[in-house]
Amino acid sequence: MGDSAEKKARPSFFKGVKSEFKKISWPDRQSTVKQSVVVVAISVVVGVLIAVLDYVIQYGVNFLTSL
């Protein structure tokens, strides 16, 4: 029933996808490496901050519960 309409729509869909991919402005390798390094560095810093806060809060809770 709807098979013929679906088969006709697929080629035009993939042609549209191909034309949209040609419009994409891909970053160069140097920019990608710089951005990746920044993301990793920020992730490590945030991880360390969370670990320090966790340790301080754990110490505080243990101190309060031991009173």
PDB file of N, CA and C in Angstrom:
ATOM      1  N   MET A   1       0.810  -1.195   0.000  1.00  0.00           N
ATOM      2  CA  MET A   1       0.000   0.000   0.000  1.00  0.00           C
ATOM      3  C   MET A   1       0.851   1.256   0.000  1.00  0.00           C
ATOM      4  N   GLY A   2       1.602   1.481   1.084  1.00  0.00           N
ATOM      5  CA  GLY A   2       2.412   2.683   1.165  1.00  0.00           C
ATOM      6  C   GLY A   2       3.852   2.451   0.764  1.00  0.00           C
ATOM      7  N   ASP A   3       4.157   1.256   0.246  1.00  0.00           N
ATOM      8  CA  ASP A   3       5.539   0.918  -0.093  1.00  0.00           C
ATOM      9  C   ASP A   3       6.088   1.767  -1.220  1.00  0.00           C
ATOM     10  N   SER A   4       5.292   2.037  -2.242  1.00  0.00           N
ATOM     11  CA  SER A   4       5.807   2.791  -3.386  1.00  0.00           C
ATOM     12  C   SER A   4       6.123   4.231  -3.000  1.00  0.00           C
ATOM     13  N   ALA A   5       5.305   4.832  -2.166  1.00  0.00           N
ATOM     14  CA  ALA A   5       5.566   6.211  -1.729  1.00  0.00           C
ATOM     15  C   ALA A   5       6.796   6.259  -0.839  1.00  0.00           C
ATOM     16  N   GLU A   6       6.967   5.230  -0.007  1.00  0.00           N
ATOM     17  CA  GLU A   6       8.132   5.181   0.879  1.00  0.00           C
ATOM     18  C   GLU A   6       9.416   4.994   0.081  1.00  0.00           C
ATOM     19  N   LYS A   7       9.372   4.161  -0.946  1.00  0.00           N
ATOM     20  CA  LYS A   7      10.567   3.917  -1.771  1.00  0.00           C
ATOM     21  C   LYS A   7      10.956   5.168  -2.551  1.00  0.00           C
ATOM     22  N   LYS A   8       9.997   5.962  -2.966  1.00  0.00           N
ATOM     23  CA  LYS A   8      10.297   7.189  -3.701  1.00  0.00           C
ATOM     24  C   LYS A   8      10.891   8.249  -2.779  1.00  0.00           C
ATOM     25  N   ALA A   9      10.519   8.238  -1.518  1.00  0.00           N
ATOM     26  CA  ALA A   9      10.985   9.260  -0.581  1.00  0.00           C
ATOM     27  C   ALA A   9      12.425   9.017  -0.143  1.00  0.00           C
ATOM     28  N   ARG A  10      12.862   7.785  -0.115  1.00  0.00           N
ATOM     29  CA  ARG A  10      14.209   7.483   0.378  1.00  0.00           C
ATOM     30  C   ARG A  10      15.319   8.124  -0.447  1.00  0.00           C
ATOM     31  N   PRO A  11      15.319   8.002  -1.768  1.00  0.00           N
ATOM     32  CA  PRO A  11      16.417   8.636  -2.524  1.00  0.00           C
ATOM     33  C   PRO A  11      16.481  10.146  -2.319  1.00  0.00           C
ATOM     34  N   SER A  12      15.335  10.803  -2.265  1.00  0.00           N
ATOM     35  CA  SER A  12      15.375  12.253  -2.075  1.00  0.00           C
ATOM     36  C   SER A  12      15.855  12.597  -0.664  1.00  0.00           C
ATOM     37  N   PHE A  13      15.539  11.747   0.315  1.00  0.00           N
ATOM     38  CA  PHE A  13      16.018  11.976   1.680  1.00  0.00           C
ATOM     39  C   PHE A  13      17.536  11.906   1.724  1.00  0.00           C
ATOM     40  N   PHE A  14      18.101  10.870   1.132  1.00  0.00           N
ATOM     41  CA  PHE A  14      19.552  10.710   1.162  1.00  0.00           C
ATOM     42  C   PHE A  14      20.255  11.777   0.331  1.00  0.00           C
ATOM     43  N   LYS A  15      19.630  12.236  -0.731  1.00  0.00           N
ATOM     44  CA  LYS A  15      20.200  13.353  -1.493  1.00  0.00           C
ATOM     45  C   LYS A  15      20.217  14.615  -0.642  1.00  0.00           C
ATOM     46  N   GLY A  16      19.167  14.817   0.143  1.00  0.00           N
ATOM     47  CA  GLY A  16      19.116  15.970   1.038  1.00  0.00           C
ATOM     48  C   GLY A  16      20.176  15.888   2.120  1.00  0.00           C
ATOM     49  N   VAL A  17      20.372  14.684   2.667  1.00  0.00           N
ATOM     50  CA  VAL A  17      21.404  14.499   3.686  1.00  0.00           C
ATOM     51  C   VAL A  17      22.775  14.788   3.095  1.00  0.00           C
ATOM     52  N   LYS A  18      23.021  14.297   1.902  1.00  0.00           N
ATOM     53  CA  LYS A  18      24.322  14.515   1.243  1.00  0.00           C
ATOM     54  C   LYS A  18      24.559  16.008   0.996  1.00  0.00           C
ATOM     55  N   SER A  19      23.540  16.712   0.547  1.00  0.00           N
ATOM     56  CA  SER A  19      23.718  18.148   0.285  1.00  0.00           C
ATOM     57  C   SER A  19      23.928  18.925   1.584  1.00  0.00           C
ATOM     58  N   GLU A  20      23.287  18.505   2.668  1.00  0.00           N
ATOM     59  CA  GLU A  20      23.494  19.177   3.955  1.00  0.00           C
ATOM     60  C   GLU A  20      24.898  18.920   4.501  1.00  0.00           C
ATOM     61  N   PHE A  21      25.418  17.712   4.294  1.00  0.00           N
ATOM     62  CA  PHE A  21      26.774  17.408   4.749  1.00  0.00           C
ATOM     63  C   PHE A  21      27.806  18.245   4.004  1.00  0.00           C
ATOM     64  N   LYS A  22      27.533  18.596   2.769  1.00  0.00           N
ATOM     65  CA  LYS A  22      28.464  19.438   2.016  1.00  0.00           C
ATOM     66  C   LYS A  22      28.509  20.861   2.569  1.00  0.00           C
ATOM     67  N   LYS A  23      27.446  21.285   3.261  1.00  0.00           N
ATOM     68  CA  LYS A  23      27.383  22.638   3.818  1.00  0.00           C
ATOM     69  C   LYS A  23      28.113  22.763   5.153  1.00  0.00           C
ATOM     70  N   ILE A  24      28.453  21.640   5.760  1.00  0.00           N
ATOM     71  CA  ILE A  24      29.075  21.668   7.084  1.00  0.00           C
ATOM     72  C   ILE A  24      30.492  22.220   6.985  1.00  0.00           C
ATOM     73  N   SER A  25      30.819  23.106   7.899  1.00  0.00           N
ATOM     74  CA  SER A  25      32.167  23.654   7.987  1.00  0.00           C
ATOM     75  C   SER A  25      32.918  22.887   9.078  1.00  0.00           C
ATOM     76  N   TRP A  26      33.712  21.903   8.678  1.00  0.00           N
ATOM     77  CA  TRP A  26      34.424  21.057   9.627  1.00  0.00           C
ATOM     78  C   TRP A  26      35.655  21.792  10.149  1.00  0.00           C
ATOM     79  N   PRO A  27      35.940  21.702  11.468  1.00  0.00           N
ATOM     80  CA  PRO A  27      37.127  22.362  12.016  1.00  0.00           C
ATOM     81  C   PRO A  27      38.401  21.648  11.572  1.00  0.00           C
ATOM     82  N   ASP A  28      39.503  22.403  11.550  1.00  0.00           N
ATOM     83  CA  ASP A  28      40.770  21.786  11.173  1.00  0.00           C
ATOM     84  C   ASP A  28      41.315  20.978  12.345  1.00  0.00           C
ATOM     85  N   ARG A  29      42.350  20.207  12.080  1.00  0.00           N
ATOM     86  CA  ARG A  29      42.905  19.294  13.079  1.00  0.00           C
ATOM     87  C   ARG A  29      43.435  20.044  14.307  1.00  0.00           C
ATOM     88  N   GLN A  30      44.114  21.153  14.081  1.00  0.00           N
ATOM     89  CA  GLN A  30      44.698  21.920  15.189  1.00  0.00           C
ATOM     90  C   GLN A  30      43.610  22.444  16.125  1.00  0.00           C
ATOM     91  N   SER A  31      42.545  22.957  15.566  1.00  0.00           N
ATOM     92  CA  SER A  31      41.442  23.466  16.376  1.00  0.00           C
ATOM     93  C   SER A  31      40.783  22.340  17.166  1.00  0.00           C
ATOM     94  N   THR A  32      40.612  21.189  16.537  1.00  0.00           N
ATOM     95  CA  THR A  32      40.000  20.050  17.215  1.00  0.00           C
ATOM     96  C   THR A  32      40.868  19.574  18.372  1.00  0.00           C
ATOM     97  N   VAL A  33      42.176  19.524  18.178  1.00  0.00           N
ATOM     98  CA  VAL A  33      43.084  19.090  19.240  1.00  0.00           C
ATOM     99  C   VAL A  33      43.050  20.082  20.397  1.00  0.00           C
ATOM    100  N   LYS A  34      43.086  21.374  20.105  1.00  0.00           N
ATOM    101  CA  LYS A  34      43.049  22.395  21.153  1.00  0.00           C
ATOM    102  C   LYS A  34      41.764  22.289  21.972  1.00  0.00           C
ATOM    103  N   GLN A  35      40.643  22.167  21.303  1.00  0.00           N
ATOM    104  CA  GLN A  35      39.371  22.076  22.000  1.00  0.00           C
ATOM    105  C   GLN A  35      39.279  20.795  22.820  1.00  0.00           C
ATOM    106  N   SER A  36      39.817  19.703  22.314  1.00  0.00           N
ATOM    107  CA  SER A  36      39.809  18.445  23.056  1.00  0.00           C
ATOM    108  C   SER A  36      40.657  18.545  24.314  1.00  0.00           C
ATOM    109  N   VAL A  37      41.825  19.193  24.209  1.00  0.00           N
ATOM    110  CA  VAL A  37      42.700  19.366  25.367  1.00  0.00           C
ATOM    111  C   VAL A  37      42.001  20.228  26.426  1.00  0.00           C
ATOM    112  N   VAL A  38      41.316  21.271  26.001  1.00  0.00           N
ATOM    113  CA  VAL A  38      40.601  22.138  26.939  1.00  0.00           C
ATOM    114  C   VAL A  38      39.488  21.363  27.640  1.00  0.00           C
ATOM    115  N   VAL A  39      38.762  20.555  26.903  1.00  0.00           N
ATOM    116  CA  VAL A  39      37.675  19.773  27.502  1.00  0.00           C
ATOM    117  C   VAL A  39      38.221  18.792  28.534  1.00  0.00           C
ATOM    118  N   VAL A  40      39.313  18.110  28.201  1.00  0.00           N
ATOM    119  CA  VAL A  40      39.906  17.156  29.141  1.00  0.00           C
ATOM    120  C   VAL A  40      40.436  17.876  30.377  1.00  0.00           C
ATOM    121  N   ALA A  41      41.101  19.009  30.186  1.00  0.00           N
ATOM    122  CA  ALA A  41      41.653  19.755  31.311  1.00  0.00           C
ATOM    123  C   ALA A  41      40.548  20.256  32.242  1.00  0.00           C
ATOM    124  N   ILE A  42      39.490  20.802  31.689  1.00  0.00           N
ATOM    125  CA  ILE A  42      38.386  21.286  32.509  1.00  0.00           C
ATOM    126  C   ILE A  42      37.721  20.117  33.235  1.00  0.00           C
ATOM    127  N   SER A  43      37.595  18.974  32.575  1.00  0.00           N
ATOM    128  CA  SER A  43      37.000  17.799  33.216  1.00  0.00           C
ATOM    129  C   SER A  43      37.833  17.340  34.404  1.00  0.00           C
ATOM    130  N   VAL A  44      39.150  17.359  34.251  1.00  0.00           N
ATOM    131  CA  VAL A  44      40.030  16.960  35.348  1.00  0.00           C
ATOM    132  C   VAL A  44      39.914  17.951  36.501  1.00  0.00           C
ATOM    133  N   VAL A  45      39.907  19.242  36.214  1.00  0.00           N
ATOM    134  CA  VAL A  45      39.802  20.258  37.260  1.00  0.00           C
ATOM    135  C   VAL A  45      38.476  20.124  38.004  1.00  0.00           C
ATOM    136  N   VAL A  46      37.393  19.965  37.282  1.00  0.00           N
ATOM    137  CA  VAL A  46      36.083  19.811  37.922  1.00  0.00           C
ATOM    138  C   VAL A  46      36.052  18.527  38.748  1.00  0.00           C
ATOM    139  N   GLY A  47      36.641  17.454  38.246  1.00  0.00           N
ATOM    140  CA  GLY A  47      36.714  16.207  39.003  1.00  0.00           C
ATOM    141  C   GLY A  47      37.474  16.366  40.300  1.00  0.00           C
ATOM    142  N   VAL A  48      38.585  17.084  40.258  1.00  0.00           N
ATOM    143  CA  VAL A  48      39.369  17.325  41.471  1.00  0.00           C
ATOM    144  C   VAL A  48      38.578  18.192  42.455  1.00  0.00           C
ATOM    145  N   LEU A  49      37.911  19.224  41.964  1.00  0.00           N
ATOM    146  CA  LEU A  49      37.093  20.059  42.844  1.00  0.00           C
ATOM    147  C   LEU A  49      35.984  19.255  43.517  1.00  0.00           C
ATOM    148  N   ILE A  50      35.331  18.399  42.766  1.00  0.00           N
ATOM    149  CA  ILE A  50      34.281  17.564  43.349  1.00  0.00           C
ATOM    150  C   ILE A  50      34.865  16.626  44.394  1.00  0.00           C
ATOM    151  N   ALA A  51      36.030  16.048  44.125  1.00  0.00           N
ATOM    152  CA  ALA A  51      36.658  15.146  45.087  1.00  0.00           C
ATOM    153  C   ALA A  51      37.024  15.887  46.374  1.00  0.00           C
ATOM    154  N   VAL A  52      37.565  17.097  46.251  1.00  0.00           N
ATOM    155  CA  VAL A  52      37.927  17.883  47.431  1.00  0.00           C
ATOM    156  C   VAL A  52      36.677  18.250  48.229  1.00  0.00           C
ATOM    157  N   LEU A  53      35.637  18.703  47.545  1.00  0.00           N
ATOM    158  CA  LEU A  53      34.394  19.031  48.235  1.00  0.00           C
ATOM    159  C   LEU A  53      33.808  17.795  48.920  1.00  0.00           C
ATOM    160  N   ASP A  54      33.861  16.668  48.270  1.00  0.00           N
ATOM    161  CA  ASP A  54      33.363  15.428  48.854  1.00  0.00           C
ATOM    162  C   ASP A  54      34.131  15.086  50.123  1.00  0.00           C
ATOM    163  N   TYR A  55      35.442  15.227  50.074  1.00  0.00           N
ATOM    164  CA  TYR A  55      36.277  14.931  51.244  1.00  0.00           C
ATOM    165  C   TYR A  55      35.954  15.883  52.392  1.00  0.00           C
ATOM    166  N   VAL A  56      35.814  17.172  52.090  1.00  0.00           N
ATOM    167  CA  VAL A  56      35.522  18.166  53.130  1.00  0.00           C
ATOM    168  C   VAL A  56      34.146  17.914  53.736  1.00  0.00           C
ATOM    169  N   ILE A  57      33.159  17.651  52.915  1.00  0.00           N
ATOM    170  CA  ILE A  57      31.808  17.387  53.430  1.00  0.00           C
ATOM    171  C   ILE A  57      31.784  16.105  54.242  1.00  0.00           C
ATOM    172  N   GLN A  58      32.480  15.088  53.775  1.00  0.00           N
ATOM    173  CA  GLN A  58      32.542  13.822  54.520  1.00  0.00           C
ATOM    174  C   GLN A  58      33.202  14.048  55.886  1.00  0.00           C
ATOM    175  N   TYR A  59      34.277  14.811  55.902  1.00  0.00           N
ATOM    176  CA  TYR A  59      34.950  15.121  57.162  1.00  0.00           C
ATOM    177  C   TYR A  59      34.006  15.873  58.103  1.00  0.00           C
ATOM    178  N   GLY A  60      33.278  16.851  57.581  1.00  0.00           N
ATOM    179  CA  GLY A  60      32.346  17.629  58.383  1.00  0.00           C
ATOM    180  C   GLY A  60      31.220  16.772  58.951  1.00  0.00           C
ATOM    181  N   VAL A  61      30.668  15.901  58.133  1.00  0.00           N
ATOM    182  CA  VAL A  61      29.586  15.035  58.602  1.00  0.00           C
ATOM    183  C   VAL A  61      30.110  14.065  59.663  1.00  0.00           C
ATOM    184  N   ASN A  62      31.265  13.499  59.431  1.00  0.00           N
ATOM    185  CA  ASN A  62      31.858  12.593  60.432  1.00  0.00           C
ATOM    186  C   ASN A  62      32.137  13.340  61.738  1.00  0.00           C
ATOM    187  N   PHE A  63      32.591  14.583  61.648  1.00  0.00           N
ATOM    188  CA  PHE A  63      32.861  15.371  62.844  1.00  0.00           C
ATOM    189  C   PHE A  63      31.573  15.635  63.615  1.00  0.00           C
ATOM    190  N   LEU A  64      30.522  16.014  62.874  1.00  0.00           N
ATOM    191  CA  LEU A  64      29.238  16.316  63.523  1.00  0.00           C
ATOM    192  C   LEU A  64      28.602  15.063  64.135  1.00  0.00           C
ATOM    193  N   THR A  65      28.725  13.922  63.488  1.00  0.00           N
ATOM    194  CA  THR A  65      28.102  12.710  64.016  1.00  0.00           C
ATOM    195  C   THR A  65      28.888  12.122  65.191  1.00  0.00           C
ATOM    196  N   SER A  66      30.138  12.525  65.348  1.00  0.00           N
ATOM    197  CA  SER A  66      30.934  12.008  66.463  1.00  0.00           C
ATOM    198  C   SER A  66      30.770  12.819  67.738  1.00  0.00           C
ATOM    199  N   LEU A  67      30.055  13.917  67.661  1.00  0.00           N
ATOM    200  CA  LEU A  67      29.864  14.760  68.857  1.00  0.00           C
ATOM    201  C   LEU A  67      28.991  14.116  69.870  1.00  0.00           C
TER     202      LEU A  67
END
